[in-house]
């Protein structure tokens, strides 16, 4: 029988094999005490199995509160657990409840993080994965062997429909590939969703008629499911190509419902990610997180960026980018969205460490606050990536391109 395998980083004051057995029991057929009906036959068919244990270092104090025992040391370990597919079939919410349910609350653990998981090949018959992914996103914007260059509407909230559409027009004239609503922008008092979509799509359609290039705009449809469906319909009616969902706010079933429609590229924003990952011994690693989003059908997903404005390390960002590019289910990989305090200066290091241009490279202030204006900001990012792929340093690229040189002067500090 096919099985799902998951790997956890754990910390426990108990004997590791005992703690791992508690995890396996709690997340399958067992509970804190034997109950009638929990037969050997039932356990053989439905109980989770501890497949492997690798001991790591020992700590003197617990990583997170709860479960600590005075005088005890805290053993870290990598633990692999598996479940029969019979436990949940192809029910994604129940699968995630199994992989990430009450186990975080079990007394035996003073640290627990889902690092990764693997599903059997049969999942590809039930989950399409990203409908558009990297190839479809790039094709929609007419982008070839370079990253998509994108930006975010800033200020995040407060601009009127007219101000926003005017900014979009100037960004399109500058040669941008992708623009998105900020995640804080839904339907504000002075920028109702319907009005904003209609005004922006008129600008995009007019430019497409003139130049043949259709800029991708990700409208934030995050809402209750019926409202998201209506907003999705409006984007389609206005000939848009993309909708944005705050996946942690909308939830797994809501995200998958929208992705399953398959007519628009779905831009997945992971706001709230820090509460799932920031602690090194609690939550979920991005390698596992992006697989959940791919099972849902998300086409594009934020991965942070090199030398970002947040807490995440460059090593973590690189690992996240590479995990998106690994084959999983379906035919399309998920497009890594590089953002958070980016400007052209990080392009060299990003390319050196990932060796890919299959990215959506986004800069908000890095474009909009360029000293020569947004058009120069877009040009500077394009120049930065040309230089990076050509093997030029930041200094060499600045010597070659004046717009990028102005970026260096403005943002390098």
Protein backbone atom coordinates (compact mmCIF):
# COMPACT_ATOMS: atom_id res chain seq x y z
CA UNK A 1 0.00 0.00 0.00
CA UNK A 2 1.30 3.47 -0.92
CA UNK A 3 2.58 5.63 1.91
CA UNK A 4 3.24 9.31 2.62
CA UNK A 5 6.59 10.06 4.29
CA UNK A 6 7.37 13.10 6.42
CA UNK A 7 10.57 14.26 8.05
CA UNK A 8 10.57 16.25 11.30
CA UNK A 9 13.21 18.06 13.30
CA UNK A 10 12.35 17.38 16.95
CA UNK A 11 13.65 18.20 20.41
CA UNK A 12 12.63 16.22 23.47
CA UNK A 13 13.67 15.59 27.10
CA UNK A 14 12.38 12.01 26.70
CA UNK A 15 13.98 9.03 25.00
CA UNK A 16 13.75 9.90 21.30
CA UNK A 17 12.26 6.60 20.13
CA UNK A 18 9.53 6.93 22.77
CA UNK A 19 8.72 10.52 21.77
CA UNK A 20 8.65 9.57 18.09
CA UNK A 21 6.27 6.69 18.85
CA UNK A 22 3.96 9.15 20.64
CA UNK A 23 3.99 11.39 17.55
CA UNK A 24 3.15 8.47 15.28
CA UNK A 25 0.36 7.30 17.55
CA UNK A 26 -1.20 10.72 18.11
CA UNK A 27 -1.25 11.41 14.37
CA UNK A 28 -2.85 8.10 13.40
CA UNK A 29 -4.71 5.42 15.34
CA UNK A 30 -3.54 6.07 18.89
CA UNK A 31 -4.19 8.41 21.78
CA UNK A 32 -2.71 8.91 25.26
CA UNK A 33 -4.12 5.61 26.50
CA UNK A 34 -5.14 2.29 24.92
CA UNK A 35 -8.81 2.25 23.96
CA UNK A 36 -11.20 -0.57 23.05
CA UNK A 37 -11.16 -1.26 19.33
CA UNK A 38 -7.49 -0.42 18.83
CA UNK A 39 -6.71 -3.92 17.71
CA UNK A 40 -3.44 -5.20 16.30
CA UNK A 41 -5.18 -5.62 12.95
CA UNK A 42 -6.32 -1.98 12.99
CA UNK A 43 -2.87 -0.73 13.97
CA UNK A 44 -1.19 -2.81 11.28
CA UNK A 45 -3.36 -1.17 8.65
CA UNK A 46 -3.72 2.42 9.89
CA UNK A 47 -1.02 3.19 12.49
CA UNK A 48 1.80 5.52 11.45
CA UNK A 49 5.29 4.04 11.42
CA UNK A 50 8.53 5.55 12.68
CA UNK A 51 10.86 4.83 9.75
CA UNK A 52 14.13 6.40 10.85
CA UNK A 53 15.75 8.35 13.69
CA UNK A 54 18.97 10.34 13.43
CA UNK A 55 20.27 11.85 16.68
CA UNK A 56 21.67 15.39 16.54
CA UNK A 57 23.01 17.67 19.28
CA UNK A 58 21.86 18.02 22.89
CA UNK A 59 20.71 21.29 24.48
CA UNK A 60 20.76 22.31 28.15
CA UNK A 61 17.53 24.34 27.91
CA UNK A 62 14.33 23.75 25.91
CA UNK A 63 13.88 25.64 22.65
CA UNK A 64 10.21 26.44 23.28
CA UNK A 65 8.14 26.53 26.49
CA UNK A 66 6.10 23.59 27.71
CA UNK A 67 7.16 20.01 28.23
CA UNK A 68 10.43 20.85 29.99
CA UNK A 69 11.63 18.60 32.84
CA UNK A 70 13.99 19.97 35.52
CA UNK A 71 17.42 18.40 35.37
CA UNK A 72 16.90 16.88 31.92
CA UNK A 73 18.84 17.50 28.73
CA UNK A 74 17.03 18.13 25.44
CA UNK A 75 17.92 15.83 22.57
CA UNK A 76 17.45 17.05 19.00
CA UNK A 77 16.87 14.51 16.23
CA UNK A 78 15.61 14.04 12.69
CA UNK A 79 12.67 11.66 12.63
CA UNK A 80 10.98 10.16 9.57
CA UNK A 81 7.39 8.95 9.92
CA UNK A 82 5.08 7.36 7.34
CA UNK A 83 1.34 6.82 6.93
CA UNK A 84 -0.68 4.58 4.68
CA UNK A 85 -2.54 6.52 2.02
CA UNK A 86 -5.63 4.68 3.26
CA UNK A 87 -5.70 7.06 6.23
CA UNK A 88 -6.67 10.12 4.18
CA UNK A 89 -6.88 9.19 0.50
CA UNK A 90 -6.49 12.36 -1.56
CA UNK A 91 -8.14 14.72 0.94
CA UNK A 92 -5.64 17.57 1.17
CA UNK A 93 -6.91 19.20 4.40
CA UNK A 94 -6.89 15.84 6.21
CA UNK A 95 -3.42 15.08 4.87
CA UNK A 96 -2.17 18.40 6.26
CA UNK A 97 -3.98 17.77 9.56
CA UNK A 98 -2.07 14.50 9.72
CA UNK A 99 1.30 16.07 8.91
CA UNK A 100 0.78 19.21 11.00
CA UNK A 101 -1.99 18.60 13.49
CA UNK A 102 -1.90 18.19 17.26
CA UNK A 103 1.70 17.00 17.21
CA UNK A 104 2.88 20.57 17.90
CA UNK A 105 1.06 20.46 21.22
CA UNK A 106 2.36 17.10 22.44
CA UNK A 107 4.07 17.36 25.84
CA UNK A 108 6.98 15.19 24.77
CA UNK A 109 8.35 17.89 22.45
CA UNK A 110 10.16 21.13 23.26
CA UNK A 111 10.74 21.66 19.57
CA UNK A 112 9.13 20.29 16.41
CA UNK A 113 9.31 21.36 12.77
CA UNK A 114 8.00 19.70 9.61
CA UNK A 115 11.00 19.74 7.30
CA UNK A 116 9.69 17.99 4.19
CA UNK A 117 7.32 15.32 2.97
CA UNK A 118 6.90 13.00 -0.01
CA UNK A 119 3.70 11.75 -1.59
CA UNK A 120 3.27 8.71 -3.88
CA UNK A 121 3.11 9.06 -7.65
CA UNK A 122 -0.66 8.45 -7.61
CA UNK A 123 -1.13 12.00 -6.28
CA UNK A 124 -0.43 13.26 -9.80
CA UNK A 125 -3.69 11.62 -10.89
CA UNK A 126 -5.66 13.68 -8.34
CA UNK A 127 -3.74 16.98 -8.07
CA UNK A 128 -2.87 18.92 -11.20
CA UNK A 129 -0.34 21.17 -9.50
CA UNK A 130 0.32 24.64 -10.94
CA UNK A 131 -1.67 25.13 -14.15
CA UNK A 132 0.70 27.81 -15.47
CA UNK A 133 3.75 27.86 -13.20
CA UNK A 134 7.04 29.18 -14.57
CA UNK A 135 6.49 28.56 -18.28
CA UNK A 136 2.90 29.83 -18.39
CA UNK A 137 3.65 32.94 -16.33
CA UNK A 138 6.57 33.94 -18.54
CA UNK A 139 4.69 33.14 -21.74
CA UNK A 140 1.75 35.29 -20.65
CA UNK A 141 4.07 38.30 -20.31
CA UNK A 142 6.19 37.57 -23.36
CA UNK A 143 9.31 37.01 -21.24
CA UNK A 144 12.02 34.65 -22.45
CA UNK A 145 15.41 33.82 -20.96
CA UNK A 146 15.41 36.36 -18.15
CA UNK A 147 13.47 36.91 -14.94
CA UNK A 148 10.08 38.57 -15.03
CA UNK A 149 10.54 42.07 -13.61
CA UNK A 150 7.76 43.16 -11.31
CA UNK A 151 6.69 45.69 -8.73
CA UNK A 152 4.06 46.33 -6.07
CA UNK A 153 1.69 49.26 -5.90
CA UNK A 154 3.06 51.62 -3.25
CA UNK A 155 1.85 53.28 -1.04
CA UNK A 156 0.30 49.95 -0.02
CA UNK A 157 -3.10 51.50 0.63
CA UNK A 158 -4.61 54.97 0.25
CA UNK A 159 -4.16 55.70 -3.44
CA UNK A 160 -7.31 56.39 -5.44
CA UNK A 161 -8.31 54.37 -8.51
CA UNK A 162 -7.18 57.20 -10.78
CA UNK A 163 -3.81 57.53 -9.01
CA UNK A 164 -3.24 53.78 -9.16
CA UNK A 165 -4.15 53.45 -12.85
CA UNK A 166 -1.91 56.43 -13.65
CA UNK A 167 1.00 54.74 -11.85
CA UNK A 168 0.28 51.50 -13.71
CA UNK A 169 0.37 53.37 -17.00
CA UNK A 170 3.79 54.85 -16.23
CA UNK A 171 5.13 51.45 -15.15
CA UNK A 172 3.87 49.83 -18.33
CA UNK A 173 5.50 52.55 -20.41
CA UNK A 174 8.70 51.80 -18.51
CA UNK A 175 8.62 48.19 -19.69
CA UNK A 176 7.47 46.37 -16.56
CA UNK A 177 6.31 42.73 -16.89
CA UNK A 178 4.28 42.31 -13.72
CA UNK A 179 2.46 44.53 -11.20
CA UNK A 180 0.50 43.47 -8.16
CA UNK A 181 -1.81 44.87 -5.54
CA UNK A 182 -0.25 45.05 -2.12
CA UNK A 183 -1.68 42.35 0.15
CA UNK A 184 -3.23 45.10 2.28
CA UNK A 185 -5.29 46.34 -0.65
CA UNK A 186 -8.61 44.60 -1.08
CA UNK A 187 -11.47 46.99 -1.64
CA UNK A 188 -10.67 50.20 0.23
CA UNK A 189 -13.07 53.09 0.66
CA UNK A 190 -11.42 55.16 -2.08
CA UNK A 191 -10.37 52.22 -4.27
CA UNK A 192 -13.23 49.77 -4.68
CA UNK A 193 -12.13 46.47 -6.19
CA UNK A 194 -14.43 46.56 -9.22
CA UNK A 195 -13.51 50.13 -10.10
CA UNK A 196 -9.81 49.41 -9.75
CA UNK A 197 -9.92 46.30 -11.95
CA UNK A 198 -11.82 48.08 -14.72
CA UNK A 199 -9.55 51.14 -14.72
CA UNK A 200 -6.28 49.18 -14.63
CA UNK A 201 -7.35 46.63 -17.23
CA UNK A 202 -8.30 49.42 -19.64
CA UNK A 203 -4.73 50.71 -19.37
CA UNK A 204 -3.33 47.20 -19.87
CA UNK A 205 -5.58 46.46 -22.87
CA UNK A 206 -4.75 49.81 -24.51
CA UNK A 207 -1.03 49.09 -24.18
CA UNK A 208 -1.48 45.57 -25.54
CA UNK A 209 -3.21 46.94 -28.63
CA UNK A 210 -0.33 49.38 -29.21
CA UNK A 211 2.64 47.12 -28.45
CA UNK A 212 1.40 43.52 -28.41
CA UNK A 213 2.71 43.08 -24.86
CA UNK A 214 0.22 42.18 -22.13
CA UNK A 215 1.47 43.15 -18.69
CA UNK A 216 0.40 40.79 -15.92
CA UNK A 217 -1.44 42.47 -13.04
CA UNK A 218 -2.20 40.42 -9.91
CA UNK A 219 -5.42 41.74 -8.38
CA UNK A 220 -5.83 40.78 -4.73
CA UNK A 221 -9.03 38.74 -4.58
CA UNK A 222 -8.46 37.46 -1.00
CA UNK A 223 -11.91 37.27 0.57
CA UNK A 224 -14.60 34.75 1.47
CA UNK A 225 -14.98 32.06 -1.18
CA UNK A 226 -18.12 33.35 -2.91
CA UNK A 227 -16.67 36.87 -3.06
CA UNK A 228 -13.38 35.53 -4.46
CA UNK A 229 -15.30 33.70 -7.18
CA UNK A 230 -17.09 36.91 -8.16
CA UNK A 231 -13.85 38.89 -8.22
CA UNK A 232 -12.22 36.16 -10.30
CA UNK A 233 -15.09 36.42 -12.79
CA UNK A 234 -14.62 40.18 -13.08
CA UNK A 235 -10.91 39.85 -13.82
CA UNK A 236 -11.77 37.38 -16.57
CA UNK A 237 -14.44 39.65 -18.00
CA UNK A 238 -11.91 42.49 -18.15
CA UNK A 239 -9.40 40.17 -19.89
CA UNK A 240 -7.00 40.04 -16.97
CA UNK A 241 -4.48 37.22 -16.61
CA UNK A 242 -3.74 36.95 -12.87
CA UNK A 243 -5.30 36.93 -9.41
CA UNK A 244 -3.47 37.17 -6.10
CA UNK A 245 -4.41 35.20 -3.00
CA UNK A 246 -3.01 35.61 0.51
CA UNK A 247 -2.82 31.86 0.93
CA UNK A 248 -2.41 31.80 4.72
CA UNK A 249 -5.41 34.10 5.18
CA UNK A 250 -7.72 32.37 2.69
CA UNK A 251 -6.81 28.85 3.78
CA UNK A 252 -6.02 25.66 1.94
CA UNK A 253 -9.51 24.77 0.70
CA UNK A 254 -10.18 28.35 -0.43
CA UNK A 255 -6.88 28.52 -2.29
CA UNK A 256 -7.47 25.20 -4.04
CA UNK A 257 -11.04 26.16 -4.98
CA UNK A 258 -9.76 29.20 -6.84
CA UNK A 259 -6.75 27.42 -8.38
CA UNK A 260 -8.95 24.59 -9.64
CA UNK A 261 -10.73 27.01 -11.98
CA UNK A 262 -7.54 27.16 -14.02
CA UNK A 263 -8.25 30.23 -16.18
CA UNK A 264 -6.03 32.78 -14.38
CA UNK A 265 -2.47 32.59 -13.13
CA UNK A 266 -2.59 32.45 -9.31
CA UNK A 267 -0.04 34.55 -7.46
CA UNK A 268 0.37 33.16 -3.95
CA UNK A 269 1.35 35.67 -1.28
CA UNK A 270 2.63 34.06 1.92
CA UNK A 271 2.11 36.98 4.33
CA UNK A 272 2.08 35.54 7.84
CA UNK A 273 4.88 33.16 6.90
CA UNK A 274 7.10 34.30 9.77
CA UNK A 275 4.80 32.86 12.42
CA UNK A 276 5.15 29.45 10.76
CA UNK A 277 8.89 29.44 10.23
CA UNK A 278 10.83 32.09 12.12
CA UNK A 279 11.63 29.92 15.14
CA UNK A 280 14.25 27.32 14.13
CA UNK A 281 12.55 24.58 16.19
CA UNK A 282 8.89 25.25 15.49
CA UNK A 283 6.57 25.24 12.47
CA UNK A 284 7.31 24.22 8.92
CA UNK A 285 10.24 24.54 6.51
CA UNK A 286 9.64 26.15 3.13
CA UNK A 287 10.52 22.92 1.30
CA UNK A 288 7.37 21.37 2.78
CA UNK A 289 5.30 24.56 2.62
CA UNK A 290 5.78 25.07 -1.11
CA UNK A 291 4.70 21.49 -1.78
CA UNK A 292 1.40 22.17 -0.01
CA UNK A 293 0.88 25.22 -2.23
CA UNK A 294 1.75 23.22 -5.34
CA UNK A 295 -0.78 20.57 -4.37
CA UNK A 296 -3.31 23.41 -4.09
CA UNK A 297 -2.38 24.60 -7.60
CA UNK A 298 -0.65 27.93 -6.85
CA UNK A 299 1.44 29.16 -9.82
CA UNK A 300 3.67 31.76 -8.17
CA UNK A 301 4.90 31.88 -4.56
CA UNK A 302 6.95 34.35 -2.55
CA UNK A 303 10.38 33.19 -1.38
CA UNK A 304 11.81 36.45 0.07
CA UNK A 305 15.10 37.67 -1.41
CA UNK A 306 18.87 37.90 -0.99
CA UNK A 307 19.86 40.61 1.53
CA UNK A 308 16.18 41.16 2.26
CA UNK A 309 14.59 43.63 4.65
CA UNK A 310 13.25 40.85 6.88
CA UNK A 311 14.85 38.27 9.21
CA UNK A 312 15.40 35.42 6.78
CA UNK A 313 18.97 34.41 5.92
CA UNK A 314 20.35 34.30 2.40
CA UNK A 315 20.95 30.55 2.75
CA UNK A 316 17.27 30.03 3.57
CA UNK A 317 16.17 32.11 0.58
CA UNK A 318 18.43 30.16 -1.79
CA UNK A 319 17.11 26.86 -0.43
CA UNK A 320 13.55 28.12 -0.94
CA UNK A 321 14.20 29.13 -4.56
CA UNK A 322 15.79 25.80 -5.37
CA UNK A 323 12.95 23.85 -3.75
CA UNK A 324 10.42 25.55 -6.06
CA UNK A 325 12.41 24.42 -9.09
CA UNK A 326 12.53 20.75 -8.11
CA UNK A 327 10.07 18.40 -9.85
CA UNK A 328 7.07 17.48 -7.73
CA UNK A 329 3.61 16.68 -9.09
CA UNK A 330 2.20 17.89 -12.39
CA UNK A 331 4.17 19.23 -15.32
CA UNK A 332 4.85 22.79 -14.08
CA UNK A 333 7.14 24.04 -11.36
CA UNK A 334 5.97 26.87 -9.13
CA UNK A 335 7.49 30.27 -10.00
CA UNK A 336 9.66 31.67 -7.16
CA UNK A 337 8.76 35.29 -6.40
CA UNK A 338 11.81 37.16 -5.13
CA UNK A 339 10.85 40.25 -3.12
CA UNK A 340 11.32 42.18 0.16
CA UNK A 341 13.68 45.13 -0.04
CA UNK A 342 15.03 44.17 -3.46
CA UNK A 343 16.76 46.38 -5.98
CA UNK A 344 19.15 45.50 -8.79
CA UNK A 345 22.13 45.21 -6.49
CA UNK A 346 21.07 41.77 -5.24
CA UNK A 347 20.74 40.31 -8.76
CA UNK A 348 24.42 39.34 -9.01
CA UNK A 349 24.39 37.30 -5.80
CA UNK A 350 20.95 35.83 -6.54
CA UNK A 351 22.09 34.53 -9.92
CA UNK A 352 25.48 33.36 -8.63
CA UNK A 353 23.85 31.23 -5.95
CA UNK A 354 20.85 29.90 -7.88
CA UNK A 355 22.01 29.88 -11.52
CA UNK A 356 18.46 30.49 -12.71
CA UNK A 357 16.48 33.23 -14.40
CA UNK A 358 13.21 31.39 -13.77
CA UNK A 359 12.13 34.01 -11.26
CA UNK A 360 9.67 36.82 -10.77
CA UNK A 361 12.02 39.49 -9.43
CA UNK A 362 10.04 42.22 -7.68
CA UNK A 363 11.08 45.57 -6.33
CA UNK A 364 8.69 48.12 -4.84
CA UNK A 365 10.79 50.99 -3.58
CA UNK A 366 13.67 49.71 -5.72
CA UNK A 367 11.67 50.81 -8.78
CA UNK A 368 9.29 53.48 -7.55
CA UNK A 369 11.92 55.36 -5.49
CA UNK A 370 14.59 55.34 -8.20
CA UNK A 371 16.13 58.85 -8.35
CA UNK A 372 15.52 59.05 -12.10
CA UNK A 373 11.91 57.86 -11.84
CA UNK A 374 10.05 54.53 -12.19
CA UNK A 375 11.02 54.03 -15.85
CA UNK A 376 14.68 54.19 -14.91
CA UNK A 377 13.91 51.90 -11.97
CA UNK A 378 12.58 49.22 -14.31
CA UNK A 379 15.50 49.70 -16.69
CA UNK A 380 17.95 49.42 -13.79
CA UNK A 381 16.55 46.01 -12.76
CA UNK A 382 16.72 44.76 -16.33
CA UNK A 383 20.30 46.01 -16.58
CA UNK A 384 21.19 44.39 -13.26
CA UNK A 385 20.04 40.99 -14.49
CA UNK A 386 21.76 41.38 -17.84
CA UNK A 387 24.97 42.13 -15.97
CA UNK A 388 24.48 39.24 -13.56
CA UNK A 389 23.95 36.68 -16.34
CA UNK A 390 26.92 38.13 -18.26
CA UNK A 391 29.12 37.58 -15.20
CA UNK A 392 29.62 41.27 -14.37
CA UNK A 393 30.03 42.55 -10.84
CA UNK A 394 27.84 45.29 -9.38
CA UNK A 395 30.63 47.81 -10.01
CA UNK A 396 31.14 46.66 -13.61
CA UNK A 397 27.40 46.77 -14.29
CA UNK A 398 27.19 50.30 -12.84
CA UNK A 399 30.03 51.42 -15.11
CA UNK A 400 28.09 50.15 -18.12
CA UNK A 401 24.56 51.38 -17.34
CA UNK A 402 23.73 54.86 -15.95
CA UNK A 403 20.29 53.87 -14.60
CA UNK A 404 21.78 51.03 -12.61
CA UNK A 405 24.59 53.31 -11.43
CA UNK A 406 21.95 55.67 -10.01
CA UNK A 407 20.38 52.68 -8.20
CA UNK A 408 23.74 51.85 -6.63
CA UNK A 409 24.13 55.43 -5.46
CA UNK A 410 20.61 55.45 -3.97
CA UNK A 411 20.17 51.96 -2.51
CA UNK A 412 23.57 50.38 -1.84
CA UNK A 413 23.66 51.63 1.75
